[in-house]
Protein backbone atom coordinates (compact mmCIF):
# COMPACT_ATOMS: atom_id res chain seq x y z
CA MET A 1 123.72 108.33 161.16
CA ASN A 2 121.71 108.45 157.93
CA MET A 3 121.65 105.31 155.86
CA SER A 4 122.92 105.87 152.34
CA GLU A 5 120.82 104.99 149.29
CA ASN A 6 123.19 102.12 148.51
CA ASP A 7 122.83 100.75 152.04
CA GLN A 8 119.06 100.75 151.64
CA ASP A 9 119.40 98.59 148.53
CA VAL A 10 121.43 95.88 150.26
CA CYS A 11 119.49 92.66 150.73
CA PRO A 12 118.76 92.12 154.46
CA ARG A 13 119.02 88.33 154.07
CA CYS A 14 122.48 88.11 152.56
CA GLY A 15 123.95 91.57 153.14
CA GLY A 16 124.80 91.78 149.47
CA SER A 17 126.93 88.61 149.41
CA GLY A 18 124.44 86.57 147.37
CA TRP A 19 124.36 83.83 150.03
CA GLU A 20 121.94 83.58 152.95
CA ARG A 21 122.55 81.49 156.07
CA ILE A 22 120.05 78.68 156.69
CA ASP A 23 121.61 77.02 159.75
CA ASP A 24 123.55 79.03 162.31
CA ALA A 25 124.88 75.88 163.98
CA THR A 26 126.55 74.46 160.87
CA ILE A 27 126.92 77.78 159.07
CA SER A 28 125.08 76.30 156.08
CA VAL A 29 124.22 78.72 153.32
CA ARG A 30 122.23 78.79 150.09
CA ARG A 31 121.90 81.13 147.15
CA CYS A 32 119.88 84.11 148.27
CA ARG A 33 116.42 84.67 146.88
CA CYS A 34 117.44 88.19 145.90
CA LEU A 35 119.55 86.69 143.12
CA ASP A 36 116.48 85.06 141.59
CA SER A 37 114.66 88.37 141.84
CA ALA A 38 117.54 90.19 140.19
CA ARG A 39 117.74 87.54 137.47
CA THR A 40 114.05 87.70 136.58
CA GLY A 41 114.17 91.49 136.68
CA ARG A 42 117.06 91.46 134.23
CA MET A 43 115.28 88.95 131.97
CA LEU A 44 112.15 91.07 131.98
CA GLY A 45 114.20 94.11 131.01
CA GLU A 46 115.78 92.17 128.15
CA ALA A 47 112.43 90.91 126.85
CA ARG A 48 111.85 94.10 124.81
CA ILE A 49 108.25 94.50 125.97
CA PRO A 50 107.11 97.94 124.75
CA LYS A 51 106.37 100.48 127.49
CA ARG A 52 102.77 100.73 126.29
CA TYR A 53 102.27 97.07 127.26
CA GLU A 54 104.40 96.86 130.42
CA HIS A 55 101.28 96.97 132.61
CA CYS A 56 99.59 94.05 130.85
CA ASP A 57 98.63 90.95 132.79
CA LEU A 58 95.69 88.56 132.79
CA ASP A 59 93.99 90.30 135.71
CA SER A 60 93.84 93.58 133.79
CA TYR A 61 92.40 91.92 130.65
CA LEU A 62 88.65 92.47 130.93
CA PRO A 63 86.75 90.48 128.27
CA GLY A 64 83.93 92.27 126.52
CA ASP A 65 83.11 89.46 124.11
CA PRO A 66 82.72 85.66 124.43
CA THR A 67 85.76 85.09 122.21
CA GLN A 68 87.84 87.35 124.46
CA LYS A 69 86.73 85.37 127.51
CA LYS A 70 87.70 82.13 125.79
CA ALA A 71 91.04 83.58 124.69
CA LYS A 72 91.86 84.59 128.27
CA ALA A 73 90.97 81.07 129.43
CA ASP A 74 93.23 79.60 126.71
CA VAL A 75 96.16 81.67 127.99
CA ALA A 76 95.46 80.61 131.59
CA ARG A 77 95.43 76.93 130.57
CA PHE A 78 98.63 77.40 128.58
CA LEU A 79 100.36 78.84 131.65
CA GLU A 80 99.04 76.05 133.88
CA LYS A 81 100.58 73.42 131.60
CA TYR A 82 103.82 75.24 130.83
CA PRO A 83 106.52 73.97 130.43
CA LEU A 84 104.84 70.60 129.77
CA ILE A 85 103.41 71.87 126.52
CA ASP A 86 104.75 71.73 122.99
CA ILE A 87 102.52 74.08 120.99
CA GLY A 88 102.34 77.86 120.94
CA LEU A 89 99.40 80.18 120.30
CA LEU A 90 98.32 82.14 117.24
CA PHE A 91 96.03 85.05 118.15
CA LEU A 92 93.93 86.17 115.18
CA GLY A 93 91.49 89.06 115.10
CA PRO A 94 90.92 92.70 114.20
CA CYS A 95 92.74 95.65 115.73
CA GLY A 96 92.04 96.66 119.30
CA VAL A 97 90.60 93.44 120.73
CA GLY A 98 93.50 92.66 123.08
CA LYS A 99 95.63 90.17 121.17
CA THR A 100 98.91 91.85 122.15
CA HIS A 101 97.70 92.34 125.73
CA LEU A 102 97.14 88.59 126.06
CA ALA A 103 100.46 87.71 124.40
CA VAL A 104 102.41 90.06 126.68
CA SER A 105 100.58 88.75 129.75
CA LEU A 106 101.66 85.25 128.83
CA LEU A 107 105.25 86.34 128.21
CA LYS A 108 105.56 88.22 131.51
CA HIS A 109 104.20 85.23 133.44
CA ILE A 110 106.72 82.89 131.80
CA ILE A 111 109.58 85.18 132.85
CA LEU A 112 108.43 86.20 136.33
CA GLU A 113 106.73 83.01 137.51
CA LYS A 114 108.50 80.27 135.54
CA GLY A 115 111.96 81.84 135.33
CA ASP A 116 112.39 81.14 131.60
CA SER A 117 113.61 83.55 128.97
CA GLY A 118 111.16 85.40 126.76
CA LEU A 119 111.34 87.94 123.96
CA PHE A 120 108.85 90.29 122.32
CA TYR A 121 109.24 91.58 118.78
CA ASP A 122 106.96 93.49 116.49
CA PHE A 123 107.44 91.67 113.20
CA ARG A 124 108.08 94.94 111.35
CA ASP A 125 110.70 96.08 113.86
CA LEU A 126 112.49 92.76 113.64
CA LEU A 127 112.74 92.98 109.85
CA ARG A 128 114.02 96.56 110.11
CA GLU A 129 116.72 95.50 112.59
CA ILE A 130 117.82 92.67 110.33
CA GLN A 131 118.01 95.01 107.36
CA GLY A 132 119.85 97.59 109.47
CA SER A 133 122.51 95.03 110.33
CA TRP A 134 123.55 94.99 106.69
CA ASN A 135 124.70 98.60 106.93
CA SER A 136 128.48 98.89 106.95
CA VAL A 137 128.39 101.11 110.04
CA SER A 138 126.03 98.86 111.99
CA GLN A 139 127.23 97.66 115.39
CA ALA A 140 125.31 94.39 115.11
CA SER A 141 125.41 91.55 112.60
CA GLU A 142 122.36 89.72 111.32
CA LEU A 143 123.38 86.72 113.41
CA GLU A 144 123.49 88.86 116.57
CA VAL A 145 120.00 90.18 115.85
CA LEU A 146 118.59 86.73 115.20
CA ARG A 147 120.33 84.78 117.98
CA PRO A 148 117.98 85.81 120.83
CA VAL A 149 114.99 85.44 118.50
CA LEU A 150 115.93 81.85 117.76
CA THR A 151 116.98 80.85 121.28
CA ALA A 152 114.40 82.48 123.60
CA ASP A 153 112.34 79.90 125.47
CA VAL A 154 109.21 81.78 124.41
CA LEU A 155 109.03 84.28 121.55
CA VAL A 156 106.12 86.64 120.96
CA LEU A 157 106.05 87.78 117.33
CA ASP A 158 103.50 90.56 117.08
CA GLU A 159 101.75 91.67 113.87
CA LEU A 160 102.69 88.64 111.78
CA GLY A 161 102.11 89.36 108.10
CA ALA A 162 102.15 93.15 108.55
CA ASN A 163 104.96 93.63 106.03
CA LYS A 164 104.52 93.41 102.29
CA PRO A 165 105.05 89.71 101.43
CA THR A 166 108.23 89.95 99.38
CA GLU A 167 110.38 86.90 98.80
CA TRP A 168 112.93 88.15 101.33
CA VAL A 169 110.26 88.70 103.99
CA ARG A 170 108.88 85.20 103.49
CA ASP A 171 112.36 83.64 103.52
CA THR A 172 113.20 85.48 106.74
CA ILE A 173 110.07 84.47 108.62
CA ALA A 174 110.45 80.92 107.26
CA HIS A 175 113.96 80.74 108.71
CA ILE A 176 112.79 81.94 112.13
CA ILE A 177 109.74 79.69 112.24
CA ASN A 178 111.60 76.60 110.99
CA CYS A 179 114.51 77.04 113.41
CA ARG A 180 112.20 77.43 116.39
CA TYR A 181 110.02 74.54 115.20
CA ASN A 182 113.01 72.22 114.84
CA ASP A 183 114.37 73.24 118.25
CA ARG A 184 110.93 72.79 119.86
CA LYS A 185 110.83 76.41 121.01
CA LEU A 186 107.41 77.84 121.81
CA THR A 187 106.28 80.78 119.69
CA VAL A 188 103.26 83.03 120.16
CA PHE A 189 102.01 85.04 117.19
CA THR A 190 99.45 87.77 116.73
CA SER A 191 97.99 88.85 113.40
CA ASN A 192 95.24 91.15 112.19
CA TYR A 193 94.72 89.03 109.07
CA PRO A 194 91.89 86.47 109.00
CA ASP A 195 92.49 82.78 108.62
CA GLY A 196 90.97 80.79 105.77
CA ALA A 197 88.84 82.56 103.19
CA GLY A 198 88.46 86.28 103.77
CA ARG A 199 85.76 88.61 102.55
CA ALA A 200 85.82 89.65 98.90
CA GLY A 201 89.03 91.55 98.24
CA GLU A 202 90.36 90.97 101.78
CA GLU A 203 93.84 89.49 102.20
CA THR A 204 94.24 86.52 104.53
CA LEU A 205 97.14 85.38 106.65
CA THR A 206 97.95 82.77 104.02
CA ASP A 207 98.13 85.54 101.40
CA ARG A 208 100.63 87.40 103.56
CA ILE A 209 102.96 84.59 104.63
CA GLY A 210 102.38 81.88 102.01
CA VAL A 211 100.81 78.43 102.03
CA ARG A 212 103.90 76.57 103.31
CA LEU A 213 104.41 78.80 106.34
CA ARG A 214 100.72 78.78 107.20
CA SER A 215 100.83 74.99 107.09
CA ARG A 216 103.79 74.98 109.47
CA LEU A 217 101.90 77.19 111.91
CA TYR A 218 99.14 74.57 112.06
CA GLU A 219 101.75 72.24 113.59
CA MET A 220 103.25 74.86 115.88
CA CYS A 221 100.26 76.73 117.29
CA LYS A 222 96.71 76.54 118.54
CA VAL A 223 94.58 79.18 116.77
CA VAL A 224 92.88 81.60 119.18
CA GLU A 225 90.35 83.85 117.48
CA VAL A 226 89.63 87.12 119.28
CA LYS A 227 86.77 89.37 118.23
CA GLY A 228 84.86 92.29 119.68
CA LYS A 229 84.81 96.07 119.58
CA ASP A 230 87.99 98.05 119.02
CA PHE A 231 89.05 98.92 122.58
CA ARG A 232 91.07 101.89 121.42
CA HIS A 233 88.12 103.38 119.56
CA GLU A 234 85.21 102.50 121.83
CA ILE A 235 86.76 102.97 125.26
CA LYS A 236 89.85 105.12 124.97
CA GLN A 237 88.12 107.80 122.90
CA ALA A 238 85.18 107.90 125.29
CA ASN A 239 87.51 108.45 128.27
CA TYR A 240 89.60 111.25 126.79
CA ARG A 241 89.21 114.54 128.63
CA PHE A 242 90.86 117.90 127.97
């Protein structure tokens, strides 16, 4: 008799009951490990990690610059100390040096190895979703959009400062940052804008998010500067074949 596809998916330890026997004599049972696997799989699916970055982990991050090597070591130390750590990370650097790769690697490890909830959002996408919730035909309210952002154990907010710094944008990011700060939730940011004084005519992170929010980030995050060649330009282009 051929085994059906559903039969093949049944856990051999618990037979699909969710409980595995640990002592035949006393018929003692415990929650099956497959439930933990299913839970972390569900949490990973809910983390909103873009498909382009689903493969990212620390092993696949290959430093090509001393700052990249140091940044990878900073992430490794962060994960060693987690959850006994109370500051996040702020990755700063130009495009294509692996800031998002490192942030996603950290997030995936938190979910898969630590079992805590994590969430990834491109800052621009988050603002669009909030604005979309104001539409009368929207299926989600602003509160429903923000709730997982405010409550996730670890939040990765990619491309901080990418949107034009209007008063509404600054108020929105201030609300998110302040809520997570007050609730002692860890937040990881990435930004293409330099810290401190930029080159002549170049906007800085402070220009984009304001002095007060930049000051708050000093309390919330360790700055991790990442430099080097643009991976997308130097490596990807060289490997393209038609």
